[in-house]
């Protein structure tokens, strides 16, 4: 059995197929964890969704900003962006099944591998959030995605404020901060105030801000956080973070990180507390597998 973390696919189904061929993926044996932005900007978002739906529980996904954008389009909340490539989903005869599947995916996932906890999100984790808190907050959004309040939530989801988490937040403001952190975060300040303008690499940090994973005293530093979203950061392999968006849609690579160990806990009920009882993140045996991708979008 092997677990594979896969970065942003963004509708590049042919690249995903080549990557799965490269790793000899078997849904009866292996599990894929996709780190969000399954759709958009690439040529075949519908193909990606149908493929992952067909794998059943062998494909576990967190949702990214493009996936939520698709839900907003379908519900008439947002107009299409000029660079959107979602018409194949919007006009699909099985669109309802795709929407139902998307709303039953996750905003964060946790798995224990080789005795080490791995927290999976699309973009980032605010510095004051622990891994258990992140999962609990993600579950609040997941509950709304699966509820009759979905359309109202999507109408209120967009906006940059509040830019900082407070435990006292409630309602729309609370959900918006959770979504923005999990799906849009790159830079924040030492107090966790988020900055959403800068999209360049870590060296382009605005004055007073830093990459979210470099904030001193970050409360999720006792697990490995795996994330995508940040193609200008690219592959980053640290003991405490793995950055997996290697720019497939921009003509870069699609990446899978193999976590090979038979002691990986099964299912999604892995014990967060159990992973936190050991030391800080250490060396986890991994193998990075990449396939080159045809450029589907030009920056700008």
C-alpha atoms as a PDB file:
ATOM      1  CA  UNK A   1       0.000   0.000   0.000  1.00  0.00           C
ATOM      2  CA  UNK A   2       1.198   3.511  -0.785  1.00  0.00           C
ATOM      3  CA  UNK A   3      -0.224   6.956  -0.196  1.00  0.00           C
ATOM      4  CA  UNK A   4       0.316   9.695  -2.768  1.00  0.00           C
ATOM      5  CA  UNK A   5      -0.071  13.424  -2.259  1.00  0.00           C
ATOM      6  CA  UNK A   6      -0.791  15.195  -5.554  1.00  0.00           C
ATOM      7  CA  UNK A   7      -0.571  18.924  -6.195  1.00  0.00           C
ATOM      8  CA  UNK A   8      -2.899  21.182  -8.158  1.00  0.00           C
ATOM      9  CA  UNK A   9      -4.288  19.352 -11.213  1.00  0.00           C
ATOM     10  CA  UNK A  10      -6.439  22.276 -12.435  1.00  0.00           C
ATOM     11  CA  UNK A  11      -8.269  20.366 -15.125  1.00  0.00           C
ATOM     12  CA  UNK A  12      -5.180  18.785 -16.703  1.00  0.00           C
ATOM     13  CA  UNK A  13      -6.604  15.289 -16.981  1.00  0.00           C
ATOM     14  CA  UNK A  14      -4.061  13.960 -19.477  1.00  0.00           C
ATOM     15  CA  UNK A  15      -1.212  14.965 -17.157  1.00  0.00           C
ATOM     16  CA  UNK A  16      -2.994  13.293 -14.255  1.00  0.00           C
ATOM     17  CA  UNK A  17      -3.350  10.107 -16.291  1.00  0.00           C
ATOM     18  CA  UNK A  18       0.357  10.134 -17.156  1.00  0.00           C
ATOM     19  CA  UNK A  19       1.271  10.711 -13.520  1.00  0.00           C
ATOM     20  CA  UNK A  20      -0.924   7.833 -12.359  1.00  0.00           C
ATOM     21  CA  UNK A  21       0.625   5.607 -15.007  1.00  0.00           C
ATOM     22  CA  UNK A  22       4.074   6.671 -13.823  1.00  0.00           C
ATOM     23  CA  UNK A  23       3.346   5.650 -10.238  1.00  0.00           C
ATOM     24  CA  UNK A  24       1.457   2.494 -11.305  1.00  0.00           C
ATOM     25  CA  UNK A  25      -1.509   3.617  -9.254  1.00  0.00           C
ATOM     26  CA  UNK A  26      -3.965   0.900  -8.267  1.00  0.00           C
ATOM     27  CA  UNK A  27      -7.221   2.033  -6.584  1.00  0.00           C
ATOM     28  CA  UNK A  28      -7.507  -1.369  -4.921  1.00  0.00           C
ATOM     29  CA  UNK A  29      -4.120  -0.917  -3.279  1.00  0.00           C
ATOM     30  CA  UNK A  30      -3.211   2.786  -3.083  1.00  0.00           C
ATOM     31  CA  UNK A  31      -4.793   6.034  -1.919  1.00  0.00           C
ATOM     32  CA  UNK A  32      -4.514   9.436  -3.575  1.00  0.00           C
ATOM     33  CA  UNK A  33      -4.742  12.637  -1.577  1.00  0.00           C
ATOM     34  CA  UNK A  34      -5.309  15.603  -3.895  1.00  0.00           C
ATOM     35  CA  UNK A  35      -4.526  19.006  -2.443  1.00  0.00           C
ATOM     36  CA  UNK A  36      -7.224  21.077  -4.112  1.00  0.00           C
ATOM     37  CA  UNK A  37      -7.783  23.055  -7.311  1.00  0.00           C
ATOM     38  CA  UNK A  38      -8.901  19.936  -9.087  1.00  0.00           C
ATOM     39  CA  UNK A  39     -10.510  22.047 -11.812  1.00  0.00           C
ATOM     40  CA  UNK A  40     -10.165  25.155 -13.985  1.00  0.00           C
ATOM     41  CA  UNK A  41      -7.573  26.698 -16.291  1.00  0.00           C
ATOM     42  CA  UNK A  42      -6.715  23.320 -17.807  1.00  0.00           C
ATOM     43  CA  UNK A  43      -8.511  21.712 -20.771  1.00  0.00           C
ATOM     44  CA  UNK A  44     -10.567  18.936 -19.152  1.00  0.00           C
ATOM     45  CA  UNK A  45     -11.959  19.654 -15.717  1.00  0.00           C
ATOM     46  CA  UNK A  46     -14.891  17.315 -16.310  1.00  0.00           C
ATOM     47  CA  UNK A  47     -12.481  14.499 -17.106  1.00  0.00           C
ATOM     48  CA  UNK A  48     -10.597  15.080 -13.861  1.00  0.00           C
ATOM     49  CA  UNK A  49     -13.779  14.991 -11.814  1.00  0.00           C
ATOM     50  CA  UNK A  50     -15.111  11.870 -13.503  1.00  0.00           C
ATOM     51  CA  UNK A  51     -11.778  10.105 -13.024  1.00  0.00           C
ATOM     52  CA  UNK A  52     -11.571  10.911  -9.318  1.00  0.00           C
ATOM     53  CA  UNK A  53     -15.225  10.077  -8.740  1.00  0.00           C
ATOM     54  CA  UNK A  54     -14.590   6.685 -10.326  1.00  0.00           C
ATOM     55  CA  UNK A  55     -11.833   5.887  -7.840  1.00  0.00           C
ATOM     56  CA  UNK A  56     -14.225   6.004  -4.895  1.00  0.00           C
ATOM     57  CA  UNK A  57     -12.518   6.119  -1.526  1.00  0.00           C
ATOM     58  CA  UNK A  58      -9.108   5.641  -3.183  1.00  0.00           C
ATOM     59  CA  UNK A  59      -9.192   9.369  -4.075  1.00  0.00           C
ATOM     60  CA  UNK A  60      -9.530  11.782  -1.151  1.00  0.00           C
ATOM     61  CA  UNK A  61      -9.591  15.479  -1.964  1.00  0.00           C
ATOM     62  CA  UNK A  62      -9.449  18.843  -0.283  1.00  0.00           C
ATOM     63  CA  UNK A  63     -11.154  21.726  -2.051  1.00  0.00           C
ATOM     64  CA  UNK A  64      -9.296  24.735  -3.387  1.00  0.00           C
ATOM     65  CA  UNK A  65     -10.369  28.203  -4.442  1.00  0.00           C
ATOM     66  CA  UNK A  66     -11.024  27.088  -8.045  1.00  0.00           C
ATOM     67  CA  UNK A  67     -13.240  24.232  -6.846  1.00  0.00           C
ATOM     68  CA  UNK A  68     -15.308  26.616  -4.735  1.00  0.00           C
ATOM     69  CA  UNK A  69     -15.422  29.021  -7.697  1.00  0.00           C
ATOM     70  CA  UNK A  70     -16.971  26.240  -9.784  1.00  0.00           C
ATOM     71  CA  UNK A  71     -19.683  25.744  -7.164  1.00  0.00           C
ATOM     72  CA  UNK A  72     -20.354  29.487  -7.166  1.00  0.00           C
ATOM     73  CA  UNK A  73     -20.653  29.484 -10.967  1.00  0.00           C
ATOM     74  CA  UNK A  74     -23.061  26.573 -10.959  1.00  0.00           C
ATOM     75  CA  UNK A  75     -25.271  28.313  -8.391  1.00  0.00           C
ATOM     76  CA  UNK A  76     -25.238  31.587 -10.329  1.00  0.00           C
ATOM     77  CA  UNK A  77     -23.305  33.463  -7.659  1.00  0.00           C
ATOM     78  CA  UNK A  78     -20.290  34.495  -9.766  1.00  0.00           C
ATOM     79  CA  UNK A  79     -19.840  35.264 -13.453  1.00  0.00           C
ATOM     80  CA  UNK A  80     -17.222  33.277 -15.384  1.00  0.00           C
ATOM     81  CA  UNK A  81     -13.690  34.637 -15.352  1.00  0.00           C
ATOM     82  CA  UNK A  82     -12.118  35.291 -18.743  1.00  0.00           C
ATOM     83  CA  UNK A  83      -9.587  32.504 -18.104  1.00  0.00           C
ATOM     84  CA  UNK A  84     -12.097  29.950 -16.845  1.00  0.00           C
ATOM     85  CA  UNK A  85     -12.221  26.634 -18.679  1.00  0.00           C
ATOM     86  CA  UNK A  86     -15.216  25.162 -16.897  1.00  0.00           C
ATOM     87  CA  UNK A  87     -17.776  24.956 -19.688  1.00  0.00           C
ATOM     88  CA  UNK A  88     -17.308  21.173 -19.924  1.00  0.00           C
ATOM     89  CA  UNK A  89     -18.546  20.849 -16.357  1.00  0.00           C
ATOM     90  CA  UNK A  90     -21.248  23.496 -16.597  1.00  0.00           C
ATOM     91  CA  UNK A  91     -22.864  21.789 -19.606  1.00  0.00           C
ATOM     92  CA  UNK A  92     -22.201  18.180 -18.572  1.00  0.00           C
ATOM     93  CA  UNK A  93     -25.174  15.811 -18.390  1.00  0.00           C
ATOM     94  CA  UNK A  94     -23.723  14.465 -15.137  1.00  0.00           C
ATOM     95  CA  UNK A  95     -23.157  17.920 -13.650  1.00  0.00           C
ATOM     96  CA  UNK A  96     -25.418  17.227 -10.671  1.00  0.00           C
ATOM     97  CA  UNK A  97     -23.363  14.173  -9.739  1.00  0.00           C
ATOM     98  CA  UNK A  98     -20.153  16.200  -9.985  1.00  0.00           C
ATOM     99  CA  UNK A  99     -21.573  18.921  -7.738  1.00  0.00           C
ATOM    100  CA  UNK A 100     -22.740  16.379  -5.181  1.00  0.00           C
ATOM    101  CA  UNK A 101     -19.324  14.737  -5.178  1.00  0.00           C
ATOM    102  CA  UNK A 102     -17.515  18.082  -4.788  1.00  0.00           C
ATOM    103  CA  UNK A 103     -19.640  19.134  -1.839  1.00  0.00           C
ATOM    104  CA  UNK A 104     -18.764  15.880  -0.087  1.00  0.00           C
ATOM    105  CA  UNK A 105     -15.029  16.455  -0.326  1.00  0.00           C
ATOM    106  CA  UNK A 106     -13.034  18.069   2.461  1.00  0.00           C
ATOM    107  CA  UNK A 107     -11.500  21.385   3.427  1.00  0.00           C
ATOM    108  CA  UNK A 108      -8.716  19.661   5.361  1.00  0.00           C
ATOM    109  CA  UNK A 109      -7.566  16.093   5.853  1.00  0.00           C
ATOM    110  CA  UNK A 110      -5.279  14.357   8.329  1.00  0.00           C
ATOM    111  CA  UNK A 111      -3.335  11.139   8.056  1.00  0.00           C
ATOM    112  CA  UNK A 112      -0.661   9.439  10.119  1.00  0.00           C
ATOM    113  CA  UNK A 113       2.282   8.104   8.142  1.00  0.00           C
ATOM    114  CA  UNK A 114       5.318   6.405   9.636  1.00  0.00           C
ATOM    115  CA  UNK A 115       4.140   7.631  13.024  1.00  0.00           C
ATOM    116  CA  UNK A 116       4.074  11.226  11.826  1.00  0.00           C
ATOM    117  CA  UNK A 117       0.968  13.381  11.444  1.00  0.00           C
ATOM    118  CA  UNK A 118       0.345  14.962   8.055  1.00  0.00           C
ATOM    119  CA  UNK A 119      -2.234  17.759   7.806  1.00  0.00           C
ATOM    120  CA  UNK A 120      -3.450  18.430   4.250  1.00  0.00           C
ATOM    121  CA  UNK A 121      -4.969  21.717   3.094  1.00  0.00           C
ATOM    122  CA  UNK A 122      -5.096  23.581  -0.190  1.00  0.00           C
ATOM    123  CA  UNK A 123      -3.352  26.830   0.754  1.00  0.00           C
ATOM    124  CA  UNK A 124      -2.328  27.284   4.351  1.00  0.00           C
ATOM    125  CA  UNK A 125      -2.972  27.203   8.082  1.00  0.00           C
ATOM    126  CA  UNK A 126      -3.144  30.337  10.215  1.00  0.00           C
ATOM    127  CA  UNK A 127      -0.291  30.459  12.729  1.00  0.00           C
ATOM    128  CA  UNK A 128      -2.578  30.347  15.764  1.00  0.00           C
ATOM    129  CA  UNK A 129      -4.381  27.182  14.660  1.00  0.00           C
ATOM    130  CA  UNK A 130      -3.361  23.759  15.896  1.00  0.00           C
ATOM    131  CA  UNK A 131      -3.916  20.737  13.669  1.00  0.00           C
ATOM    132  CA  UNK A 132      -7.016  19.590  15.614  1.00  0.00           C
ATOM    133  CA  UNK A 133      -8.439  23.117  15.507  1.00  0.00           C
ATOM    134  CA  UNK A 134      -7.824  23.337  11.762  1.00  0.00           C
ATOM    135  CA  UNK A 135      -9.728  20.109  11.199  1.00  0.00           C
ATOM    136  CA  UNK A 136     -12.583  21.279  13.412  1.00  0.00           C
ATOM    137  CA  UNK A 137     -12.859  24.603  11.598  1.00  0.00           C
ATOM    138  CA  UNK A 138     -12.683  22.865   8.230  1.00  0.00           C
ATOM    139  CA  UNK A 139     -15.568  20.650   9.343  1.00  0.00           C
ATOM    140  CA  UNK A 140     -17.692  23.749   9.957  1.00  0.00           C
ATOM    141  CA  UNK A 141     -17.343  24.730   6.298  1.00  0.00           C
ATOM    142  CA  UNK A 142     -17.869  21.138   5.135  1.00  0.00           C
ATOM    143  CA  UNK A 143     -21.161  21.002   7.026  1.00  0.00           C
ATOM    144  CA  UNK A 144     -22.418  24.110   5.222  1.00  0.00           C
ATOM    145  CA  UNK A 145     -21.309  22.766   1.833  1.00  0.00           C
ATOM    146  CA  UNK A 146     -23.572  19.754   2.387  1.00  0.00           C
ATOM    147  CA  UNK A 147     -26.523  21.720   3.751  1.00  0.00           C
ATOM    148  CA  UNK A 148     -29.504  23.587   2.269  1.00  0.00           C
ATOM    149  CA  UNK A 149     -27.604  26.798   3.142  1.00  0.00           C
ATOM    150  CA  UNK A 150     -24.976  26.177   0.439  1.00  0.00           C
ATOM    151  CA  UNK A 151     -26.168  28.882  -1.957  1.00  0.00           C
ATOM    152  CA  UNK A 152     -26.391  31.508   0.765  1.00  0.00           C
ATOM    153  CA  UNK A 153     -22.910  30.548   1.963  1.00  0.00           C
ATOM    154  CA  UNK A 154     -21.489  30.938  -1.556  1.00  0.00           C
ATOM    155  CA  UNK A 155     -23.122  34.364  -1.865  1.00  0.00           C
ATOM    156  CA  UNK A 156     -21.398  35.512   1.330  1.00  0.00           C
ATOM    157  CA  UNK A 157     -18.104  33.649   0.925  1.00  0.00           C
ATOM    158  CA  UNK A 158     -16.167  36.231  -1.097  1.00  0.00           C
ATOM    159  CA  UNK A 159     -14.226  39.076   0.483  1.00  0.00           C
ATOM    160  CA  UNK A 160     -10.880  39.788   2.149  1.00  0.00           C
ATOM    161  CA  UNK A 161     -12.270  40.841   5.521  1.00  0.00           C
ATOM    162  CA  UNK A 162     -11.979  39.930   8.282  1.00  0.00           C
ATOM    163  CA  UNK A 163      -8.307  39.358   7.506  1.00  0.00           C
ATOM    164  CA  UNK A 164      -7.507  37.913  10.920  1.00  0.00           C
ATOM    165  CA  UNK A 165      -8.904  35.069  12.984  1.00  0.00           C
ATOM    166  CA  UNK A 166     -10.586  35.609  16.340  1.00  0.00           C
ATOM    167  CA  UNK A 167     -12.221  32.791  18.270  1.00  0.00           C
ATOM    168  CA  UNK A 168     -15.225  35.042  18.839  1.00  0.00           C
ATOM    169  CA  UNK A 169     -16.042  35.279  15.126  1.00  0.00           C
ATOM    170  CA  UNK A 170     -19.392  33.877  14.108  1.00  0.00           C
ATOM    171  CA  UNK A 171     -21.623  33.496  11.089  1.00  0.00           C
ATOM    172  CA  UNK A 172     -20.437  34.720   7.697  1.00  0.00           C
ATOM    173  CA  UNK A 173     -17.298  36.376   9.044  1.00  0.00           C
ATOM    174  CA  UNK A 174     -16.163  33.167  10.735  1.00  0.00           C
ATOM    175  CA  UNK A 175     -16.707  30.984   7.679  1.00  0.00           C
ATOM    176  CA  UNK A 176     -15.047  33.516   5.366  1.00  0.00           C
ATOM    177  CA  UNK A 177     -11.840  33.608   7.421  1.00  0.00           C
ATOM    178  CA  UNK A 178     -11.714  29.809   7.500  1.00  0.00           C
ATOM    179  CA  UNK A 179     -12.208  29.539   3.735  1.00  0.00           C
ATOM    180  CA  UNK A 180      -9.685  32.288   2.977  1.00  0.00           C
ATOM    181  CA  UNK A 181      -7.022  30.690   5.148  1.00  0.00           C
ATOM    182  CA  UNK A 182      -7.530  27.185   3.818  1.00  0.00           C
ATOM    183  CA  UNK A 183      -7.856  28.132   0.126  1.00  0.00           C
ATOM    184  CA  UNK A 184      -6.113  31.491  -0.456  1.00  0.00           C
ATOM    185  CA  UNK A 185      -3.411  32.042   2.164  1.00  0.00           C
ATOM    186  CA  UNK A 186       0.203  32.698   1.155  1.00  0.00           C
ATOM    187  CA  UNK A 187       1.451  35.531   3.349  1.00  0.00           C
ATOM    188  CA  UNK A 188       0.443  36.762   6.789  1.00  0.00           C
ATOM    189  CA  UNK A 189       2.005  38.806   9.565  1.00  0.00           C
ATOM    190  CA  UNK A 190       3.136  37.579  12.963  1.00  0.00           C
ATOM    191  CA  UNK A 191      -0.384  38.073  14.338  1.00  0.00           C
ATOM    192  CA  UNK A 192      -1.949  36.047  11.525  1.00  0.00           C
ATOM    193  CA  UNK A 193      -3.347  38.954   9.488  1.00  0.00           C
ATOM    194  CA  UNK A 194      -3.627  37.672   5.915  1.00  0.00           C
ATOM    195  CA  UNK A 195      -2.414  39.420   2.746  1.00  0.00           C
ATOM    196  CA  UNK A 196      -4.033  38.367  -0.533  1.00  0.00           C
ATOM    197  CA  UNK A 197      -2.447  40.619  -3.180  1.00  0.00           C
ATOM    198  CA  UNK A 198       1.018  39.120  -3.542  1.00  0.00           C
ATOM    199  CA  UNK A 199       1.175  35.940  -5.641  1.00  0.00           C
ATOM    200  CA  UNK A 200       4.897  35.737  -6.327  1.00  0.00           C
ATOM    201  CA  UNK A 201       7.333  33.466  -4.505  1.00  0.00           C
ATOM    202  CA  UNK A 202       8.401  33.625  -0.878  1.00  0.00           C
ATOM    203  CA  UNK A 203      11.153  36.156  -1.616  1.00  0.00           C
ATOM    204  CA  UNK A 204       8.518  38.692  -2.729  1.00  0.00           C
ATOM    205  CA  UNK A 205       6.980  38.932   0.732  1.00  0.00           C
ATOM    206  CA  UNK A 206       5.408  42.336   1.398  1.00  0.00           C
ATOM    207  CA  UNK A 207       6.808  44.491   4.166  1.00  0.00           C
ATOM    208  CA  UNK A 208       5.654  43.213   7.529  1.00  0.00           C
ATOM    209  CA  UNK A 209       4.494  39.869   6.148  1.00  0.00           C
ATOM    210  CA  UNK A 210       6.041  36.432   5.725  1.00  0.00           C
ATOM    211  CA  UNK A 211       5.051  33.054   4.294  1.00  0.00           C
ATOM    212  CA  UNK A 212       2.463  31.613   6.654  1.00  0.00           C
ATOM    213  CA  UNK A 213       4.664  28.623   7.475  1.00  0.00           C
ATOM    214  CA  UNK A 214       7.536  30.870   8.655  1.00  0.00           C
ATOM    215  CA  UNK A 215       5.599  32.659  11.394  1.00  0.00           C
ATOM    216  CA  UNK A 216       7.455  32.107  14.706  1.00  0.00           C
ATOM    217  CA  UNK A 217       5.551  29.908  17.122  1.00  0.00           C
ATOM    218  CA  UNK A 218       3.185  28.498  14.489  1.00  0.00           C
ATOM    219  CA  UNK A 219       0.852  26.134  16.353  1.00  0.00           C
ATOM    220  CA  UNK A 220       0.709  23.517  13.573  1.00  0.00           C
ATOM    221  CA  UNK A 221       4.483  23.034  13.523  1.00  0.00           C
ATOM    222  CA  UNK A 222       4.129  19.734  15.404  1.00  0.00           C
ATOM    223  CA  UNK A 223       2.775  18.060  12.267  1.00  0.00           C
ATOM    224  CA  UNK A 224       3.767  18.171   8.618  1.00  0.00           C
ATOM    225  CA  UNK A 225       1.479  20.479   6.639  1.00  0.00           C
ATOM    226  CA  UNK A 226       1.088  19.517   2.968  1.00  0.00           C
ATOM    227  CA  UNK A 227      -0.409  22.136   0.679  1.00  0.00           C
ATOM    228  CA  UNK A 228      -0.704  23.337  -2.909  1.00  0.00           C
ATOM    229  CA  UNK A 229      -1.968  26.683  -4.288  1.00  0.00           C
ATOM    230  CA  UNK A 230       1.418  28.424  -4.537  1.00  0.00           C
ATOM    231  CA  UNK A 231       2.896  27.606  -7.945  1.00  0.00           C
ATOM    232  CA  UNK A 232       5.480  30.404  -7.709  1.00  0.00           C
ATOM    233  CA  UNK A 233       6.787  28.746  -4.551  1.00  0.00           C
ATOM    234  CA  UNK A 234       6.949  25.341  -6.219  1.00  0.00           C
ATOM    235  CA  UNK A 235       8.192  22.155  -4.597  1.00  0.00           C
ATOM    236  CA  UNK A 236       9.315  22.753  -1.035  1.00  0.00           C
ATOM    237  CA  UNK A 237      10.513  19.859   1.079  1.00  0.00           C
ATOM    238  CA  UNK A 238      10.993  20.756   4.725  1.00  0.00           C
ATOM    239  CA  UNK A 239      10.589  18.670   7.836  1.00  0.00           C
ATOM    240  CA  UNK A 240       7.419  20.599   8.692  1.00  0.00           C
ATOM    241  CA  UNK A 241       5.884  21.565   5.311  1.00  0.00           C
ATOM    242  CA  UNK A 242       5.552  20.088   1.833  1.00  0.00           C
ATOM    243  CA  UNK A 243       4.557  22.469  -0.953  1.00  0.00           C
ATOM    244  CA  UNK A 244       3.114  20.503  -3.874  1.00  0.00           C
ATOM    245  CA  UNK A 245       1.886  22.978  -6.541  1.00  0.00           C
ATOM    246  CA  UNK A 246       4.554  22.740  -9.231  1.00  0.00           C
ATOM    247  CA  UNK A 247       2.683  24.674 -11.899  1.00  0.00           C
ATOM    248  CA  UNK A 248       1.222  21.978 -14.124  1.00  0.00           C
ATOM    249  CA  UNK A 249      -1.282  24.325 -15.766  1.00  0.00           C
ATOM    250  CA  UNK A 250       1.505  26.836 -16.491  1.00  0.00           C
ATOM    251  CA  UNK A 251       3.658  24.282 -18.294  1.00  0.00           C
ATOM    252  CA  UNK A 252       5.524  23.058 -15.241  1.00  0.00           C
ATOM    253  CA  UNK A 253       5.121  19.638 -13.646  1.00  0.00           C
ATOM    254  CA  UNK A 254       2.391  17.677 -11.949  1.00  0.00           C
ATOM    255  CA  UNK A 255       3.836  16.170  -8.796  1.00  0.00           C
ATOM    256  CA  UNK A 256       3.037  13.192  -6.596  1.00  0.00           C
ATOM    257  CA  UNK A 257       4.754  12.573  -3.284  1.00  0.00           C
ATOM    258  CA  UNK A 258       4.827   8.896  -2.401  1.00  0.00           C
ATOM    259  CA  UNK A 259       4.558   8.155   1.306  1.00  0.00           C
ATOM    260  CA  UNK A 260       5.601   4.550   1.388  1.00  0.00           C
ATOM    261  CA  UNK A 261       4.981   2.761   4.593  1.00  0.00           C
ATOM    262  CA  UNK A 262       2.765  -0.133   5.550  1.00  0.00           C
ATOM    263  CA  UNK A 263       2.203   1.397   8.987  1.00  0.00           C
ATOM    264  CA  UNK A 264       0.126   4.244   7.563  1.00  0.00           C
ATOM    265  CA  UNK A 265      -3.158   4.368   9.420  1.00  0.00           C
ATOM    266  CA  UNK A 266      -6.126   3.346   7.336  1.00  0.00           C
ATOM    267  CA  UNK A 267      -9.057   5.563   6.506  1.00  0.00           C
ATOM    268  CA  UNK A 268      -9.667   9.156   7.529  1.00  0.00           C
ATOM    269  CA  UNK A 269     -10.095   8.475  11.236  1.00  0.00           C
ATOM    270  CA  UNK A 270      -6.375   8.572  11.966  1.00  0.00           C
ATOM    271  CA  UNK A 271      -5.734   9.856  15.451  1.00  0.00           C
ATOM    272  CA  UNK A 272      -4.552  13.438  15.471  1.00  0.00           C
ATOM    273  CA  UNK A 273      -3.771  13.199  19.152  1.00  0.00           C
ATOM    274  CA  UNK A 274      -1.712  10.072  18.596  1.00  0.00           C
ATOM    275  CA  UNK A 275       0.432  11.841  16.046  1.00  0.00           C
ATOM    276  CA  UNK A 276       0.993  14.739  18.417  1.00  0.00           C
ATOM    277  CA  UNK A 277       2.234  12.600  21.287  1.00  0.00           C
ATOM    278  CA  UNK A 278       5.682  12.194  19.708  1.00  0.00           C
ATOM    279  CA  UNK A 279       8.346  14.727  18.911  1.00  0.00           C
ATOM    280  CA  UNK A 280       8.340  17.478  16.341  1.00  0.00           C
ATOM    281  CA  UNK A 281       8.207  16.423  12.673  1.00  0.00           C
ATOM    282  CA  UNK A 282      11.137  14.336  11.635  1.00  0.00           C
ATOM    283  CA  UNK A 283      12.219  12.474   8.541  1.00  0.00           C
ATOM    284  CA  UNK A 284       9.436  10.710   6.671  1.00  0.00           C
ATOM    285  CA  UNK A 285      10.478   8.430   3.820  1.00  0.00           C
ATOM    286  CA  UNK A 286       9.184   9.964   0.627  1.00  0.00           C
ATOM    287  CA  UNK A 287       9.699   9.840  -3.112  1.00  0.00           C
ATOM    288  CA  UNK A 288       8.821  12.709  -5.451  1.00  0.00           C
ATOM    289  CA  UNK A 289       7.462  11.672  -8.849  1.00  0.00           C
ATOM    290  CA  UNK A 290       6.795  14.281 -11.543  1.00  0.00           C
ATOM    291  CA  UNK A 291       5.539  14.447 -15.111  1.00  0.00           C
ATOM    292  CA  UNK A 292       5.987  17.464 -17.342  1.00  0.00           C
ATOM    293  CA  UNK A 293       2.836  19.233 -18.486  1.00  0.00           C
ATOM    294  CA  UNK A 294       1.807  21.069 -21.600  1.00  0.00           C
ATOM    295  CA  UNK A 295       1.143  24.715 -20.874  1.00  0.00           C
ATOM    296  CA  UNK A 296      -2.597  25.369 -20.712  1.00  0.00           C
ATOM    297  CA  UNK A 297      -2.496  28.978 -19.486  1.00  0.00           C
ATOM    298  CA  UNK A 298      -0.077  31.877 -19.723  1.00  0.00           C
ATOM    299  CA  UNK A 299       0.517  33.954 -16.581  1.00  0.00           C
ATOM    300  CA  UNK A 300      -1.109  37.365 -16.491  1.00  0.00           C
END
